[in-house]
C-alpha atoms as a PDB file:
ATOM      1  CA  SER A   1     173.743 -19.148 192.047  1.00  0.00           C
ATOM      2  CA  THR A   2     171.391 -20.258 194.778  1.00  0.00           C
ATOM      3  CA  ALA A   3     168.283 -20.212 192.562  1.00  0.00           C
ATOM      4  CA  SER A   4     168.444 -23.905 191.665  1.00  0.00           C
ATOM      5  CA  LEU A   5     168.803 -25.050 195.277  1.00  0.00           C
ATOM      6  CA  ASP A   6     166.069 -26.436 197.475  1.00  0.00           C
ATOM      7  CA  VAL A   7     164.538 -23.574 199.475  1.00  0.00           C
ATOM      8  CA  SER A   8     165.751 -24.906 202.845  1.00  0.00           C
ATOM      9  CA  ILE A   9     169.296 -25.478 201.522  1.00  0.00           C
ATOM     10  CA  GLN A  10     169.270 -22.014 199.946  1.00  0.00           C
ATOM     11  CA  ALA A  11     168.262 -20.483 203.296  1.00  0.00           C
ATOM     12  CA  GLN A  12     171.025 -22.367 205.115  1.00  0.00           C
ATOM     13  CA  ILE A  13     173.671 -21.192 202.640  1.00  0.00           C
ATOM     14  CA  LEU A  14     172.469 -17.589 202.744  1.00  0.00           C
ATOM     15  CA  ASN A  15     172.404 -17.622 206.553  1.00  0.00           C
ATOM     16  CA  LEU A  16     175.931 -19.054 206.576  1.00  0.00           C
ATOM     17  CA  LEU A  17     177.136 -16.307 204.217  1.00  0.00           C
ATOM     18  CA  LYS A  18     175.469 -13.658 206.393  1.00  0.00           C
ATOM     19  CA  ASP A  19     177.076 -15.112 209.538  1.00  0.00           C
ATOM     20  CA  LEU A  20     180.532 -15.261 207.912  1.00  0.00           C
ATOM     21  CA  GLN A  21     180.101 -11.720 206.651  1.00  0.00           C
ATOM     22  CA  LYS A  22     179.363 -10.503 210.181  1.00  0.00           C
ATOM     23  CA  GLU A  23     181.901 -12.600 212.114  1.00  0.00           C
ATOM     24  CA  LEU A  24     184.850 -12.100 209.745  1.00  0.00           C
ATOM     25  CA  HIS A  25     183.955  -8.580 208.591  1.00  0.00           C
ATOM     26  CA  LEU A  26     183.807  -9.779 204.996  1.00  0.00           C
ATOM     27  CA  SER A  27     182.747  -7.887 201.948  1.00  0.00           C
ATOM     28  CA  LEU A  28     180.876 -10.008 199.439  1.00  0.00           C
ATOM     29  CA  LEU A  29     180.131  -9.403 195.808  1.00  0.00           C
ATOM     30  CA  PHE A  30     176.902 -11.292 195.218  1.00  0.00           C
ATOM     31  CA  ILE A  31     175.339 -11.212 191.773  1.00  0.00           C
ATOM     32  CA  SER A  32     171.737 -12.316 191.515  1.00  0.00           C
ATOM     33  CA  HIS A  33     168.453 -11.678 189.785  1.00  0.00           C
ATOM     34  CA  ASP A  34     166.649 -12.622 193.017  1.00  0.00           C
ATOM     35  CA  LEU A  35     165.922  -9.284 194.689  1.00  0.00           C
ATOM     36  CA  ALA A  36     164.702 -10.981 197.877  1.00  0.00           C
ATOM     37  CA  VAL A  37     168.118 -12.622 198.299  1.00  0.00           C
ATOM     38  CA  ILE A  38     169.848  -9.319 197.584  1.00  0.00           C
ATOM     39  CA  LYS A  39     167.689  -7.565 200.180  1.00  0.00           C
ATOM     40  CA  PHE A  40     168.621 -10.206 202.758  1.00  0.00           C
ATOM     41  CA  LEU A  41     172.351 -10.252 202.056  1.00  0.00           C
ATOM     42  CA  ALA A  42     173.385  -6.817 200.850  1.00  0.00           C
ATOM     43  CA  ASP A  43     174.127  -3.507 202.506  1.00  0.00           C
ATOM     44  CA  LYS A  44     174.595  -1.682 199.200  1.00  0.00           C
ATOM     45  CA  VAL A  45     173.071  -2.588 195.864  1.00  0.00           C
ATOM     46  CA  ALA A  46     174.040  -1.837 192.290  1.00  0.00           C
ATOM     47  CA  ILE A  47     171.301  -2.270 189.707  1.00  0.00           C
ATOM     48  CA  LEU A  48     172.576  -3.185 186.258  1.00  0.00           C
ATOM     49  CA  GLU A  49     170.736  -2.750 182.995  1.00  0.00           C
ATOM     50  CA  LYS A  50     172.418  -4.159 179.889  1.00  0.00           C
ATOM     51  CA  GLY A  51     175.727  -4.362 181.749  1.00  0.00           C
ATOM     52  CA  ASN A  52     175.702  -0.771 182.994  1.00  0.00           C
ATOM     53  CA  ILE A  53     175.124   0.373 186.570  1.00  0.00           C
ATOM     54  CA  VAL A  54     171.990   2.509 186.493  1.00  0.00           C
ATOM     55  CA  GLU A  55     171.516   2.888 190.243  1.00  0.00           C
ATOM     56  CA  TYR A  56     173.734   2.381 193.279  1.00  0.00           C
ATOM     57  CA  ALA A  57     172.504   2.914 196.818  1.00  0.00           C
ATOM     58  CA  THR A  58     171.889   1.283 200.175  1.00  0.00           C
ATOM     59  CA  LYS A  59     169.336  -1.501 200.110  1.00  0.00           C
ATOM     60  CA  GLU A  60     166.935   0.699 202.065  1.00  0.00           C
ATOM     61  CA  GLU A  61     167.140   3.434 199.425  1.00  0.00           C
ATOM     62  CA  ILE A  62     166.761   0.939 196.581  1.00  0.00           C
ATOM     63  CA  TYR A  63     163.692  -0.728 198.081  1.00  0.00           C
ATOM     64  CA  GLN A  64     162.032   2.361 199.554  1.00  0.00           C
ATOM     65  CA  LYS A  65     162.940   5.167 197.123  1.00  0.00           C
ATOM     66  CA  PRO A  66     164.243   3.828 193.813  1.00  0.00           C
ATOM     67  CA  THR A  67     165.188   6.626 191.430  1.00  0.00           C
ATOM     68  CA  HIS A  68     165.827   4.874 188.122  1.00  0.00           C
ATOM     69  CA  ASP A  69     162.923   3.655 185.961  1.00  0.00           C
ATOM     70  CA  TYR A  70     164.550   0.247 185.453  1.00  0.00           C
ATOM     71  CA  THR A  71     164.875  -0.253 189.233  1.00  0.00           C
ATOM     72  CA  LYS A  72     161.241   0.718 189.674  1.00  0.00           C
ATOM     73  CA  ARG A  73     160.201  -1.820 187.024  1.00  0.00           C
ATOM     74  CA  LEU A  74     162.270  -4.577 188.661  1.00  0.00           C
ATOM     75  CA  LEU A  75     160.751  -3.898 192.059  1.00  0.00           C
ATOM     76  CA  GLY A  76     157.277  -3.625 190.560  1.00  0.00           C
ATOM     77  CA  ALA A  77     157.699  -7.045 188.984  1.00  0.00           C
ATOM     78  CA  ILE A  78     158.487  -8.753 192.293  1.00  0.00           C
ATOM     79  CA  LEU A  79     155.693  -6.966 194.116  1.00  0.00           C
ATOM     80  CA  GLU A  80     153.163  -8.179 191.568  1.00  0.00           C
ATOM     81  CA  LEU A  81     154.015 -11.879 192.086  1.00  0.00           C
END
């Protein structure tokens, strides 16, 4: 988890992961409740509710046209902050 890290350290780690992903053609499985981090790092996103995948799509589709009510509620919660 990167949530407990200082913001600047978190950014450095996430940038390093993104760089490694690009340079080495890596696939990463990154699990987080921080949707801003997911948007930065992911190409595809799976939204889980109670351990079940309720929506799976590209990050653009998830953030621009969510289809599942739970995804819409999650995104609504971060937009209200």
